[in-house]
Amino acid sequence: WGQIVAVCFVLTGSVLYQFVLGELPCPLCVMQRLSFLLACVGPI
């Protein structure tokens, strides 16, 4: 549960950065986001 909450907060923050501050993620940022999503599969 702690892993899921941590990852969700990180990803929510990165999405807010993108849409609220207008900071577009680079390809490496996108790969990190996808790694975070994959890291949530096990805990779920």
Full PDB file with SEQRES, HELIX, SHEET, SSBOND, CRYST1, ORIGX, SCALE, CONECT and MASTER records, all heavy atoms in Angstrom:
SEQRES   1 A   44  TRP GLY GLN ILE VAL ALA VAL CYS PHE VAL LEU THR GLY          
SEQRES   2 A   44  SER VAL LEU TYR GLN PHE VAL LEU GLY GLU LEU PRO CYS          
SEQRES   3 A   44  PRO LEU CYS VAL MET GLN ARG LEU SER PHE LEU LEU ALA          
SEQRES   4 A   44  CYS VAL GLY PRO ILE                                          
HELIX    1 AA1 GLY A    2  VAL A   20  1                                  19    
HELIX    2 AA2 PRO A   27  VAL A   41  1                                  15    
CRYST1    1.000    1.000    1.000  90.00  90.00  90.00 P 1           1          
ORIGX1      1.000000  0.000000  0.000000        0.00000                         
ORIGX2      0.000000  1.000000  0.000000        0.00000                         
ORIGX3      0.000000  0.000000  1.000000        0.00000                         
SCALE1      1.000000  0.000000  0.000000        0.00000                         
SCALE2      0.000000  1.000000  0.000000        0.00000                         
SCALE3      0.000000  0.000000  1.000000        0.00000                         
ATOM      1  N   TRP A   1       0.839  -1.200   0.000  1.00  0.00           N  
ATOM      2  CA  TRP A   1       0.000   0.000   0.000  1.00  0.00           C  
ATOM      3  C   TRP A   1       0.879   1.257   0.000  1.00  0.00           C  
ATOM      4  O   TRP A   1       0.618   2.211  -0.729  1.00  0.00           O  
ATOM      5  CB  TRP A   1      -0.946  -0.011   1.200  1.00  0.00           C  
ATOM      6  CG  TRP A   1      -1.879   1.140   1.196  1.00  0.00           C  
ATOM      7  CD1 TRP A   1      -1.867   2.210   2.030  1.00  0.00           C  
ATOM      8  CD2 TRP A   1      -2.957   1.367   0.297  1.00  0.00           C  
ATOM      9  NE1 TRP A   1      -2.867   3.077   1.705  1.00  0.00           N  
ATOM     10  CE2 TRP A   1      -3.557   2.581   0.640  1.00  0.00           C  
ATOM     11  CE3 TRP A   1      -3.479   0.642  -0.781  1.00  0.00           C  
ATOM     12  CZ2 TRP A   1      -4.640   3.112  -0.040  1.00  0.00           C  
ATOM     13  CZ3 TRP A   1      -4.565   1.167  -1.450  1.00  0.00           C  
ATOM     14  CH2 TRP A   1      -5.134   2.377  -1.085  1.00  0.00           C  
ATOM     15  N   GLY A   2       1.933   1.272   0.801  1.00  0.00           N  
ATOM     16  CA  GLY A   2       2.839   2.421   0.850  1.00  0.00           C  
ATOM     17  C   GLY A   2       3.516   2.665  -0.486  1.00  0.00           C  
ATOM     18  O   GLY A   2       3.689   3.819  -0.906  1.00  0.00           O  
ATOM     19  N   GLN A   3       3.886   1.595  -1.178  1.00  0.00           N  
ATOM     20  CA  GLN A   3       4.504   1.745  -2.495  1.00  0.00           C  
ATOM     21  C   GLN A   3       3.535   2.377  -3.483  1.00  0.00           C  
ATOM     22  O   GLN A   3       3.903   3.271  -4.255  1.00  0.00           O  
ATOM     23  CB  GLN A   3       4.973   0.381  -3.017  1.00  0.00           C  
ATOM     24  CG  GLN A   3       6.151  -0.172  -2.263  1.00  0.00           C  
ATOM     25  CD  GLN A   3       6.526  -1.560  -2.710  1.00  0.00           C  
ATOM     26  OE1 GLN A   3       5.672  -2.356  -3.141  1.00  0.00           O  
ATOM     27  NE2 GLN A   3       7.813  -1.888  -2.618  1.00  0.00           N  
ATOM     28  N   ILE A   4       2.303   1.920  -3.463  1.00  0.00           N  
ATOM     29  CA  ILE A   4       1.306   2.461  -4.383  1.00  0.00           C  
ATOM     30  C   ILE A   4       1.072   3.943  -4.115  1.00  0.00           C  
ATOM     31  O   ILE A   4       1.053   4.764  -5.040  1.00  0.00           O  
ATOM     32  CB  ILE A   4      -0.013   1.666  -4.285  1.00  0.00           C  
ATOM     33  CG1 ILE A   4       0.187   0.275  -4.857  1.00  0.00           C  
ATOM     34  CG2 ILE A   4      -1.147   2.399  -4.994  1.00  0.00           C  
ATOM     35  CD1 ILE A   4      -0.930  -0.681  -4.544  1.00  0.00           C  
ATOM     36  N   VAL A   5       0.907   4.301  -2.859  1.00  0.00           N  
ATOM     37  CA  VAL A   5       0.657   5.705  -2.510  1.00  0.00           C  
ATOM     38  C   VAL A   5       1.848   6.574  -2.917  1.00  0.00           C  
ATOM     39  O   VAL A   5       1.678   7.653  -3.503  1.00  0.00           O  
ATOM     40  CB  VAL A   5       0.341   5.851  -1.005  1.00  0.00           C  
ATOM     41  CG1 VAL A   5       0.340   7.303  -0.574  1.00  0.00           C  
ATOM     42  CG2 VAL A   5      -1.002   5.200  -0.688  1.00  0.00           C  
ATOM     43  N   ALA A   6       3.063   6.113  -2.646  1.00  0.00           N  
ATOM     44  CA  ALA A   6       4.254   6.886  -3.004  1.00  0.00           C  
ATOM     45  C   ALA A   6       4.328   7.114  -4.510  1.00  0.00           C  
ATOM     46  O   ALA A   6       4.554   8.245  -4.978  1.00  0.00           O  
ATOM     47  CB  ALA A   6       5.508   6.175  -2.504  1.00  0.00           C  
ATOM     48  N   VAL A   7       4.136   6.064  -5.279  1.00  0.00           N  
ATOM     49  CA  VAL A   7       4.212   6.188  -6.734  1.00  0.00           C  
ATOM     50  C   VAL A   7       3.092   7.071  -7.270  1.00  0.00           C  
ATOM     51  O   VAL A   7       3.315   7.906  -8.150  1.00  0.00           O  
ATOM     52  CB  VAL A   7       4.200   4.797  -7.402  1.00  0.00           C  
ATOM     53  CG1 VAL A   7       3.997   4.906  -8.904  1.00  0.00           C  
ATOM     54  CG2 VAL A   7       5.492   4.059  -7.093  1.00  0.00           C  
ATOM     55  N   CYS A   8       1.900   6.918  -6.728  1.00  0.00           N  
ATOM     56  CA  CYS A   8       0.787   7.742  -7.193  1.00  0.00           C  
ATOM     57  C   CYS A   8       1.023   9.228  -6.918  1.00  0.00           C  
ATOM     58  O   CYS A   8       0.711  10.071  -7.747  1.00  0.00           O  
ATOM     59  CB  CYS A   8      -0.527   7.284  -6.571  1.00  0.00           C  
ATOM     60  SG  CYS A   8      -1.157   5.764  -7.302  1.00  0.00           S  
ATOM     61  N   PHE A   9       1.596   9.547  -5.766  1.00  0.00           N  
ATOM     62  CA  PHE A   9       1.912  10.946  -5.473  1.00  0.00           C  
ATOM     63  C   PHE A   9       2.980  11.479  -6.431  1.00  0.00           C  
ATOM     64  O   PHE A   9       2.876  12.606  -6.921  1.00  0.00           O  
ATOM     65  CB  PHE A   9       2.339  11.128  -4.020  1.00  0.00           C  
ATOM     66  CG  PHE A   9       1.184  11.288  -3.084  1.00  0.00           C  
ATOM     67  CD1 PHE A   9       0.965  10.368  -2.078  1.00  0.00           C  
ATOM     68  CD2 PHE A   9       0.294  12.354  -3.211  1.00  0.00           C  
ATOM     69  CE1 PHE A   9      -0.109  10.502  -1.218  1.00  0.00           C  
ATOM     70  CE2 PHE A   9      -0.785  12.494  -2.357  1.00  0.00           C  
ATOM     71  CZ  PHE A   9      -0.990  11.575  -1.352  1.00  0.00           C  
ATOM     72  N   VAL A  10       3.998  10.677  -6.702  1.00  0.00           N  
ATOM     73  CA  VAL A  10       5.054  11.097  -7.626  1.00  0.00           C  
ATOM     74  C   VAL A  10       4.470  11.333  -9.021  1.00  0.00           C  
ATOM     75  O   VAL A  10       4.731  12.367  -9.658  1.00  0.00           O  
ATOM     76  CB  VAL A  10       6.188  10.052  -7.678  1.00  0.00           C  
ATOM     77  CG1 VAL A  10       7.128  10.319  -8.840  1.00  0.00           C  
ATOM     78  CG2 VAL A  10       6.953  10.036  -6.367  1.00  0.00           C  
ATOM     79  N   LEU A  11       3.680  10.378  -9.507  1.00  0.00           N  
ATOM     80  CA  LEU A  11       3.114  10.517 -10.848  1.00  0.00           C  
ATOM     81  C   LEU A  11       2.094  11.651 -10.925  1.00  0.00           C  
ATOM     82  O   LEU A  11       2.037  12.372 -11.921  1.00  0.00           O  
ATOM     83  CB  LEU A  11       2.487   9.200 -11.295  1.00  0.00           C  
ATOM     84  CG  LEU A  11       3.482   8.087 -11.601  1.00  0.00           C  
ATOM     85  CD1 LEU A  11       2.749   6.801 -11.957  1.00  0.00           C  
ATOM     86  CD2 LEU A  11       4.428   8.476 -12.706  1.00  0.00           C  
ATOM     87  N   THR A  12       1.291  11.819  -9.879  1.00  0.00           N  
ATOM     88  CA  THR A  12       0.333  12.919  -9.858  1.00  0.00           C  
ATOM     89  C   THR A  12       1.084  14.250  -9.898  1.00  0.00           C  
ATOM     90  O   THR A  12       0.706  15.168 -10.640  1.00  0.00           O  
ATOM     91  CB  THR A  12      -0.565  12.842  -8.610  1.00  0.00           C  
ATOM     92  OG1 THR A  12      -1.264  11.597  -8.627  1.00  0.00           O  
ATOM     93  CG2 THR A  12      -1.561  13.983  -8.568  1.00  0.00           C  
ATOM     94  N   GLY A  13       2.171  14.351  -9.139  1.00  0.00           N  
ATOM     95  CA  GLY A  13       2.985  15.567  -9.158  1.00  0.00           C  
ATOM     96  C   GLY A  13       3.583  15.830 -10.525  1.00  0.00           C  
ATOM     97  O   GLY A  13       3.594  16.974 -11.003  1.00  0.00           O  
ATOM     98  N   SER A  14       4.063  14.781 -11.197  1.00  0.00           N  
ATOM     99  CA  SER A  14       4.661  14.980 -12.521  1.00  0.00           C  
ATOM    100  C   SER A  14       3.608  15.383 -13.557  1.00  0.00           C  
ATOM    101  O   SER A  14       3.874  16.208 -14.426  1.00  0.00           O  
ATOM    102  CB  SER A  14       5.404  13.720 -12.970  1.00  0.00           C  
ATOM    103  OG  SER A  14       4.523  12.695 -13.355  1.00  0.00           O  
ATOM    104  N   VAL A  15       2.415  14.829 -13.433  1.00  0.00           N  
ATOM    105  CA  VAL A  15       1.328  15.213 -14.352  1.00  0.00           C  
ATOM    106  C   VAL A  15       0.905  16.656 -14.090  1.00  0.00           C  
ATOM    107  O   VAL A  15       0.661  17.426 -15.031  1.00  0.00           O  
ATOM    108  CB  VAL A  15       0.143  14.226 -14.232  1.00  0.00           C  
ATOM    109  CG1 VAL A  15      -1.089  14.741 -14.938  1.00  0.00           C  
ATOM    110  CG2 VAL A  15       0.538  12.855 -14.784  1.00  0.00           C  
ATOM    111  N   LEU A  16       0.835  17.054 -12.820  1.00  0.00           N  
ATOM    112  CA  LEU A  16       0.512  18.446 -12.494  1.00  0.00           C  
ATOM    113  C   LEU A  16       1.592  19.385 -13.021  1.00  0.00           C  
ATOM    114  O   LEU A  16       1.285  20.468 -13.537  1.00  0.00           O  
ATOM    115  CB  LEU A  16       0.335  18.620 -10.987  1.00  0.00           C  
ATOM    116  CG  LEU A  16      -0.918  17.996 -10.385  1.00  0.00           C  
ATOM    117  CD1 LEU A  16      -0.913  18.121  -8.869  1.00  0.00           C  
ATOM    118  CD2 LEU A  16      -2.176  18.622 -10.972  1.00  0.00           C  
ATOM    119  N   TYR A  17       2.851  18.992 -12.886  1.00  0.00           N  
ATOM    120  CA  TYR A  17       3.946  19.787 -13.449  1.00  0.00           C  
ATOM    121  C   TYR A  17       3.735  20.001 -14.939  1.00  0.00           C  
ATOM    122  O   TYR A  17       3.961  21.080 -15.464  1.00  0.00           O  
ATOM    123  CB  TYR A  17       5.261  19.053 -13.213  1.00  0.00           C  
ATOM    124  CG  TYR A  17       6.260  19.798 -12.385  1.00  0.00           C  
ATOM    125  CD1 TYR A  17       5.970  20.170 -11.082  1.00  0.00           C  
ATOM    126  CD2 TYR A  17       7.499  20.128 -12.897  1.00  0.00           C  
ATOM    127  CE1 TYR A  17       6.890  20.835 -10.309  1.00  0.00           C  
ATOM    128  CE2 TYR A  17       8.429  20.799 -12.144  1.00  0.00           C  
ATOM    129  CZ  TYR A  17       8.120  21.154 -10.850  1.00  0.00           C  
ATOM    130  OH  TYR A  17       9.030  21.822 -10.093  1.00  0.00           O  
ATOM    131  N   GLN A  18       3.315  18.933 -15.614  1.00  0.00           N  
ATOM    132  CA  GLN A  18       3.133  19.013 -17.066  1.00  0.00           C  
ATOM    133  C   GLN A  18       1.968  19.915 -17.437  1.00  0.00           C  
ATOM    134  O   GLN A  18       2.109  20.776 -18.300  1.00  0.00           O  
ATOM    135  CB  GLN A  18       2.911  17.613 -17.640  1.00  0.00           C  
ATOM    136  CG  GLN A  18       2.698  17.617 -19.142  1.00  0.00           C  
ATOM    137  CD  GLN A  18       2.583  16.217 -19.714  1.00  0.00           C  
ATOM    138  OE1 GLN A  18       2.836  15.233 -19.032  1.00  0.00           O  
ATOM    139  NE2 GLN A  18       2.199  16.131 -20.968  1.00  0.00           N  
ATOM    140  N   PHE A  19       0.830  19.734 -16.801  1.00  0.00           N  
ATOM    141  CA  PHE A  19      -0.367  20.440 -17.242  1.00  0.00           C  
ATOM    142  C   PHE A  19      -0.577  21.789 -16.557  1.00  0.00           C  
ATOM    143  O   PHE A  19      -1.165  22.683 -17.153  1.00  0.00           O  
ATOM    144  CB  PHE A  19      -1.598  19.561 -17.069  1.00  0.00           C  
ATOM    145  CG  PHE A  19      -1.587  18.371 -17.987  1.00  0.00           C  
ATOM    146  CD1 PHE A  19      -1.483  17.091 -17.481  1.00  0.00           C  
ATOM    147  CD2 PHE A  19      -1.646  18.527 -19.359  1.00  0.00           C  
ATOM    148  CE1 PHE A  19      -1.453  15.990 -18.318  1.00  0.00           C  
ATOM    149  CE2 PHE A  19      -1.606  17.439 -20.213  1.00  0.00           C  
ATOM    150  CZ  PHE A  19      -1.511  16.162 -19.691  1.00  0.00           C  
ATOM    151  N   VAL A  20      -0.105  21.956 -15.335  1.00  0.00           N  
ATOM    152  CA  VAL A  20      -0.290  23.229 -14.635  1.00  0.00           C  
ATOM    153  C   VAL A  20       0.855  24.191 -14.936  1.00  0.00           C  
ATOM    154  O   VAL A  20       0.631  25.363 -15.234  1.00  0.00           O  
ATOM    155  CB  VAL A  20      -0.437  23.005 -13.105  1.00  0.00           C  
ATOM    156  CG1 VAL A  20      -0.491  24.326 -12.363  1.00  0.00           C  
ATOM    157  CG2 VAL A  20      -1.684  22.176 -12.811  1.00  0.00           C  
ATOM    158  N   LEU A  21       2.099  23.687 -14.875  1.00  0.00           N  
ATOM    159  CA  LEU A  21       3.258  24.546 -15.125  1.00  0.00           C  
ATOM    160  C   LEU A  21       3.694  24.551 -16.586  1.00  0.00           C  
ATOM    161  O   LEU A  21       4.567  25.329 -16.957  1.00  0.00           O  
ATOM    162  CB  LEU A  21       4.428  24.118 -14.235  1.00  0.00           C  
ATOM    163  CG  LEU A  21       4.206  24.203 -12.726  1.00  0.00           C  
ATOM    164  CD1 LEU A  21       5.426  23.712 -11.977  1.00  0.00           C  
ATOM    165  CD2 LEU A  21       3.867  25.633 -12.324  1.00  0.00           C  
ATOM    166  N   GLY A  22       3.126  23.659 -17.388  1.00  0.00           N  
ATOM    167  CA  GLY A  22       3.477  23.613 -18.807  1.00  0.00           C  
ATOM    168  C   GLY A  22       4.851  23.019 -19.078  1.00  0.00           C  
ATOM    169  O   GLY A  22       5.435  23.265 -20.123  1.00  0.00           O  
ATOM    170  N   GLU A  23       5.375  22.224 -18.149  1.00  0.00           N  
ATOM    171  CA  GLU A  23       6.684  21.586 -18.310  1.00  0.00           C  
ATOM    172  C   GLU A  23       6.505  20.236 -19.002  1.00  0.00           C  
ATOM    173  O   GLU A  23       6.089  19.270 -18.388  1.00  0.00           O  
ATOM    174  CB  GLU A  23       7.361  21.387 -16.953  1.00  0.00           C  
ATOM    175  CG  GLU A  23       7.777  22.657 -16.280  1.00  0.00           C  
ATOM    176  CD  GLU A  23       8.917  23.348 -16.994  1.00  0.00           C  
ATOM    177  OE1 GLU A  23       9.789  22.673 -17.579  1.00  0.00           O  
ATOM    178  OE2 GLU A  23       8.922  24.592 -16.965  1.00  0.00           O  
ATOM    179  N   LEU A  24       6.824  20.184 -20.289  1.00  0.00           N  
ATOM    180  CA  LEU A  24       6.672  18.938 -21.033  1.00  0.00           C  
ATOM    181  C   LEU A  24       7.789  17.963 -20.669  1.00  0.00           C  
ATOM    182  O   LEU A  24       8.948  18.356 -20.584  1.00  0.00           O  
ATOM    183  CB  LEU A  24       6.691  19.211 -22.531  1.00  0.00           C  
ATOM    184  CG  LEU A  24       5.561  20.092 -23.055  1.00  0.00           C  
ATOM    185  CD1 LEU A  24       5.697  20.281 -24.555  1.00  0.00           C  
ATOM    186  CD2 LEU A  24       4.218  19.494 -22.718  1.00  0.00           C  
ATOM    187  N   PRO A  25       7.464  16.693 -20.440  1.00  0.00           N  
ATOM    188  CA  PRO A  25       8.494  15.711 -20.080  1.00  0.00           C  
ATOM    189  C   PRO A  25       9.314  15.292 -21.300  1.00  0.00           C  
ATOM    190  O   PRO A  25       8.782  15.162 -22.405  1.00  0.00           O  
ATOM    191  CB  PRO A  25       7.684  14.540 -19.526  1.00  0.00           C  
ATOM    192  CG  PRO A  25       6.371  14.644 -20.213  1.00  0.00           C  
ATOM    193  CD  PRO A  25       6.119  16.117 -20.415  1.00  0.00           C  
ATOM    194  N   CYS A  26      10.594  15.081 -21.072  1.00  0.00           N  
ATOM    195  CA  CYS A  26      11.464  14.591 -22.136  1.00  0.00           C  
ATOM    196  C   CYS A  26      11.272  13.074 -22.263  1.00  0.00           C  
ATOM    197  O   CYS A  26      10.589  12.460 -21.441  1.00  0.00           O  
ATOM    198  CB  CYS A  26      12.919  14.936 -21.807  1.00  0.00           C  
ATOM    199  SG  CYS A  26      13.574  14.017 -20.396  1.00  0.00           S  
ATOM    200  N   PRO A  27      11.879  12.449 -23.267  1.00  0.00           N  
ATOM    201  CA  PRO A  27      11.744  10.987 -23.407  1.00  0.00           C  
ATOM    202  C   PRO A  27      12.207  10.209 -22.169  1.00  0.00           C  
ATOM    203  O   PRO A  27      11.595   9.211 -21.804  1.00  0.00           O  
ATOM    204  CB  PRO A  27      12.619  10.666 -24.622  1.00  0.00           C  
ATOM    205  CG  PRO A  27      12.605  11.917 -25.429  1.00  0.00           C  
ATOM    206  CD  PRO A  27      12.561  13.040 -24.432  1.00  0.00           C  
ATOM    207  N   LEU A  28      13.281  10.667 -21.509  1.00  0.00           N  
ATOM    208  CA  LEU A  28      13.737   9.975 -20.304  1.00  0.00           C  
ATOM    209  C   LEU A  28      12.713  10.104 -19.181  1.00  0.00           C  
ATOM    210  O   LEU A  28      12.502   9.160 -18.410  1.00  0.00           O  
ATOM    211  CB  LEU A  28      15.097  10.526 -19.855  1.00  0.00           C  
ATOM    212  CG  LEU A  28      16.268  10.238 -20.795  1.00  0.00           C  
ATOM    213  CD1 LEU A  28      17.524  10.966 -20.327  1.00  0.00           C  
ATOM    214  CD2 LEU A  28      16.522   8.750 -20.909  1.00  0.00           C  
ATOM    215  N   CYS A  29      12.065  11.264 -19.086  1.00  0.00           N  
ATOM    216  CA  CYS A  29      11.014  11.457 -18.075  1.00  0.00           C  
ATOM    217  C   CYS A  29       9.845  10.504 -18.331  1.00  0.00           C  
ATOM    218  O   CYS A  29       9.286   9.933 -17.397  1.00  0.00           O  
ATOM    219  CB  CYS A  29      10.511  12.900 -18.083  1.00  0.00           C  
ATOM    220  SG  CYS A  29      11.758  14.138 -17.693  1.00  0.00           S  
ATOM    221  N   VAL A  30       9.487  10.353 -19.595  1.00  0.00           N  
ATOM    222  CA  VAL A  30       8.387   9.453 -19.957  1.00  0.00           C  
ATOM    223  C   VAL A  30       8.753   8.012 -19.588  1.00  0.00           C  
ATOM    224  O   VAL A  30       7.929   7.273 -19.048  1.00  0.00           O  
ATOM    225  CB  VAL A  30       8.037   9.581 -21.454  1.00  0.00           C  
ATOM    226  CG1 VAL A  30       7.054   8.507 -21.886  1.00  0.00           C  
ATOM    227  CG2 VAL A  30       7.471  10.969 -21.749  1.00  0.00           C  
ATOM    228  N   MET A  31      10.007   7.625 -19.827  1.00  0.00           N  
ATOM    229  CA  MET A  31      10.438   6.268 -19.471  1.00  0.00           C  
ATOM    230  C   MET A  31      10.395   6.059 -17.956  1.00  0.00           C  
ATOM    231  O   MET A  31      10.034   4.980 -17.489  1.00  0.00           O  
ATOM    232  CB  MET A  31      11.838   6.000 -20.028  1.00  0.00           C  
ATOM    233  CG  MET A  31      11.860   5.869 -21.542  1.00  0.00           C  
ATOM    234  SD  MET A  31      13.506   5.785 -22.266  1.00  0.00           S  
ATOM    235  CE  MET A  31      14.191   4.366 -21.482  1.00  0.00           C  
ATOM    236  N   GLN A  32      10.728   7.095 -17.198  1.00  0.00           N  
ATOM    237  CA  GLN A  32      10.640   6.993 -15.742  1.00  0.00           C  
ATOM    238  C   GLN A  32       9.186   6.849 -15.305  1.00  0.00           C  
ATOM    239  O   GLN A  32       8.871   6.056 -14.413  1.00  0.00           O  
ATOM    240  CB  GLN A  32      11.267   8.224 -15.092  1.00  0.00           C  
ATOM    241  CG  GLN A  32      12.769   8.274 -15.244  1.00  0.00           C  
ATOM    242  CD  GLN A  32      13.347   9.626 -14.899  1.00  0.00           C  
ATOM    243  OE1 GLN A  32      13.149  10.098 -13.787  1.00  0.00           O  
ATOM    244  NE2 GLN A  32      14.047  10.236 -15.834  1.00  0.00           N  
ATOM    245  N   ARG A  33       8.295   7.590 -15.937  1.00  0.00           N  
ATOM    246  CA  ARG A  33       6.866   7.486 -15.609  1.00  0.00           C  
ATOM    247  C   ARG A  33       6.356   6.074 -15.878  1.00  0.00           C  
ATOM    248  O   ARG A  33       5.624   5.496 -15.073  1.00  0.00           O  
ATOM    249  CB  ARG A  33       6.047   8.481 -16.435  1.00  0.00           C  
ATOM    250  CG  ARG A  33       6.214   9.917 -16.027  1.00  0.00           C  
ATOM    251  CD  ARG A  33       5.406  10.812 -16.946  1.00  0.00           C  
ATOM    252  NE  ARG A  33       5.449  12.193 -16.501  1.00  0.00           N  
ATOM    253  CZ  ARG A  33       4.697  13.145 -17.034  1.00  0.00           C  
ATOM    254  NH1 ARG A  33       3.857  12.877 -18.024  1.00  0.00           N  
ATOM    255  NH2 ARG A  33       4.783  14.380 -16.584  1.00  0.00           N  
ATOM    256  N   LEU A  34       6.746   5.521 -17.017  1.00  0.00           N  
ATOM    257  CA  LEU A  34       6.309   4.165 -17.354  1.00  0.00           C  
ATOM    258  C   LEU A  34       6.908   3.135 -16.379  1.00  0.00           C  
ATOM    259  O   LEU A  34       6.238   2.166 -16.011  1.00  0.00           O  
ATOM    260  CB  LEU A  34       6.676   3.834 -18.796  1.00  0.00           C  
ATOM    261  CG  LEU A  34       5.974   4.689 -19.854  1.00  0.00           C  
ATOM    262  CD1 LEU A  34       6.481   4.342 -21.251  1.00  0.00           C  
ATOM    263  CD2 LEU A  34       4.465   4.560 -19.766  1.00  0.00           C  
ATOM    264  N   SER A  35       8.135   3.361 -15.944  1.00  0.00           N  
ATOM    265  CA  SER A  35       8.739   2.468 -14.949  1.00  0.00           C  
ATOM    266  C   SER A  35       7.984   2.538 -13.631  1.00  0.00           C  
ATOM    267  O   SER A  35       7.791   1.520 -12.961  1.00  0.00           O  
ATOM    268  CB  SER A  35      10.213   2.839 -14.730  1.00  0.00           C  
ATOM    269  OG  SER A  35      10.965   2.605 -15.890  1.00  0.00           O  
ATOM    270  N   PHE A  36       7.548   3.739 -13.244  1.00  0.00           N  
ATOM    271  CA  PHE A  36       6.752   3.866 -12.017  1.00  0.00           C  
ATOM    272  C   PHE A  36       5.430   3.109 -12.153  1.00  0.00           C  
ATOM    273  O   PHE A  36       4.997   2.430 -11.210  1.00  0.00           O  
ATOM    274  CB  PHE A  36       6.467   5.341 -11.702  1.00  0.00           C  
ATOM    275  CG  PHE A  36       7.563   6.035 -10.939  1.00  0.00           C  
ATOM    276  CD1 PHE A  36       8.106   7.212 -11.414  1.00  0.00           C  
ATOM    277  CD2 PHE A  36       8.026   5.521  -9.745  1.00  0.00           C  
ATOM    278  CE1 PHE A  36       9.104   7.868 -10.703  1.00  0.00           C  
ATOM    279  CE2 PHE A  36       9.026   6.167  -9.030  1.00  0.00           C  
ATOM    280  CZ  PHE A  36       9.566   7.344  -9.517  1.00  0.00           C  
ATOM    281  N   LEU A  37       4.791   3.230 -13.310  1.00  0.00           N  
ATOM    282  CA  LEU A  37       3.531   2.498 -13.513  1.00  0.00           C  
ATOM    283  C   LEU A  37       3.762   0.996 -13.424  1.00  0.00           C  
ATOM    284  O   LEU A  37       2.984   0.271 -12.800  1.00  0.00           O  
ATOM    285  CB  LEU A  37       2.905   2.873 -14.856  1.00  0.00           C  
ATOM    286  CG  LEU A  37       2.323   4.278 -14.947  1.00  0.00           C  
ATOM    287  CD1 LEU A  37       1.937   4.607 -16.386  1.00  0.00           C  
ATOM    288  CD2 LEU A  37       1.123   4.434 -14.019  1.00  0.00           C  
ATOM    289  N   LEU A  38       4.830   0.521 -14.040  1.00  0.00           N  
ATOM    290  CA  LEU A  38       5.146  -0.911 -13.992  1.00  0.00           C  
ATOM    291  C   LEU A  38       5.481  -1.345 -12.565  1.00  0.00           C  
ATOM    292  O   LEU A  38       5.108  -2.446 -12.144  1.00  0.00           O  
ATOM    293  CB  LEU A  38       6.311  -1.230 -14.930  1.00  0.00           C  
ATOM    294  CG  LEU A  38       6.696  -2.700 -15.060  1.00  0.00           C  
ATOM    295  CD1 LEU A  38       5.505  -3.527 -15.547  1.00  0.00           C  
ATOM    296  CD2 LEU A  38       7.869  -2.865 -16.000  1.00  0.00           C  
ATOM    297  N   ALA A  39       6.143  -0.471 -11.808  1.00  0.00           N  
ATOM    298  CA  ALA A  39       6.482  -0.796 -10.423  1.00  0.00           C  
ATOM    299  C   ALA A  39       5.234  -0.963  -9.559  1.00  0.00           C  
ATOM    300  O   ALA A  39       5.279  -1.635  -8.534  1.00  0.00           O  
ATOM    301  CB  ALA A  39       7.393   0.281  -9.835  1.00  0.00           C  
ATOM    302  N   CYS A  40       4.114  -0.381  -9.965  1.00  0.00           N  
ATOM    303  CA  CYS A  40       2.859  -0.499  -9.200  1.00  0.00           C  
ATOM    304  C   CYS A  40       2.128  -1.809  -9.461  1.00  0.00           C  
ATOM    305  O   CYS A  40       1.241  -2.175  -8.687  1.00  0.00           O  
ATOM    306  CB  CYS A  40       1.923   0.655  -9.546  1.00  0.00           C  
ATOM    307  SG  CYS A  40       2.224   2.095  -8.546  1.00  0.00           S  
ATOM    308  N   VAL A  41       2.485  -2.509 -10.525  1.00  0.00           N  
ATOM    309  CA  VAL A  41       1.771  -3.746 -10.858  1.00  0.00           C  
ATOM    310  C   VAL A  41       1.921  -4.779  -9.737  1.00  0.00           C  
ATOM    311  O   VAL A  41       0.937  -5.390  -9.314  1.00  0.00           O  
ATOM    312  CB  VAL A  41       2.262  -4.317 -12.209  1.00  0.00           C  
ATOM    313  CG1 VAL A  41       1.678  -5.697 -12.464  1.00  0.00           C  
ATOM    314  CG2 VAL A  41       1.901  -3.363 -13.344  1.00  0.00           C  
ATOM    315  N   GLY A  42       3.136  -4.965  -9.235  1.00  0.00           N  
ATOM    316  CA  GLY A  42       3.362  -5.940  -8.168  1.00  0.00           C  
ATOM    317  C   GLY A  42       2.549  -5.653  -6.915  1.00  0.00           C  
ATOM    318  O   GLY A  42       1.810  -6.525  -6.436  1.00  0.00           O  
ATOM    319  N   PRO A  43       2.636  -4.425  -6.358  1.00  0.00           N  
ATOM    320  CA  PRO A  43       1.842  -4.126  -5.161  1.00  0.00           C  
ATOM    321  C   PRO A  43       0.334  -4.256  -5.385  1.00  0.00           C  
ATOM    322  O   PRO A  43      -0.378  -4.737  -4.509  1.00  0.00           O  
ATOM    323  CB  PRO A  43       2.225  -2.679  -4.830  1.00  0.00           C  
ATOM    324  CG  PRO A  43       3.570  -2.492  -5.423  1.00  0.00           C  
ATOM    325  CD  PRO A  43       3.598  -3.355  -6.639  1.00  0.00           C  
ATOM    326  N   ILE A  44      -0.144  -3.863  -6.550  1.00  0.00           N  
ATOM    327  CA  ILE A  44      -1.579  -3.996  -6.837  1.00  0.00           C  
ATOM    328  C   ILE A  44      -1.971  -5.472  -6.847  1.00  0.00           C  
ATOM    329  O   ILE A  44      -3.007  -5.863  -6.293  1.00  0.00           O  
ATOM    330  CB  ILE A  44      -1.957  -3.325  -8.175  1.00  0.00           C  
ATOM    331  CG1 ILE A  44      -2.041  -1.819  -7.995  1.00  0.00           C  
ATOM    332  CG2 ILE A  44      -3.257  -3.854  -8.741  1.00  0.00           C  
ATOM    333  CD1 ILE A  44      -3.215  -1.342  -7.164  1.00  0.00           C  
TER     334      ILE A  44                                                      
MASTER        0    0    0    2    0    0    0    6  333    1    0    4          
END                                                                             
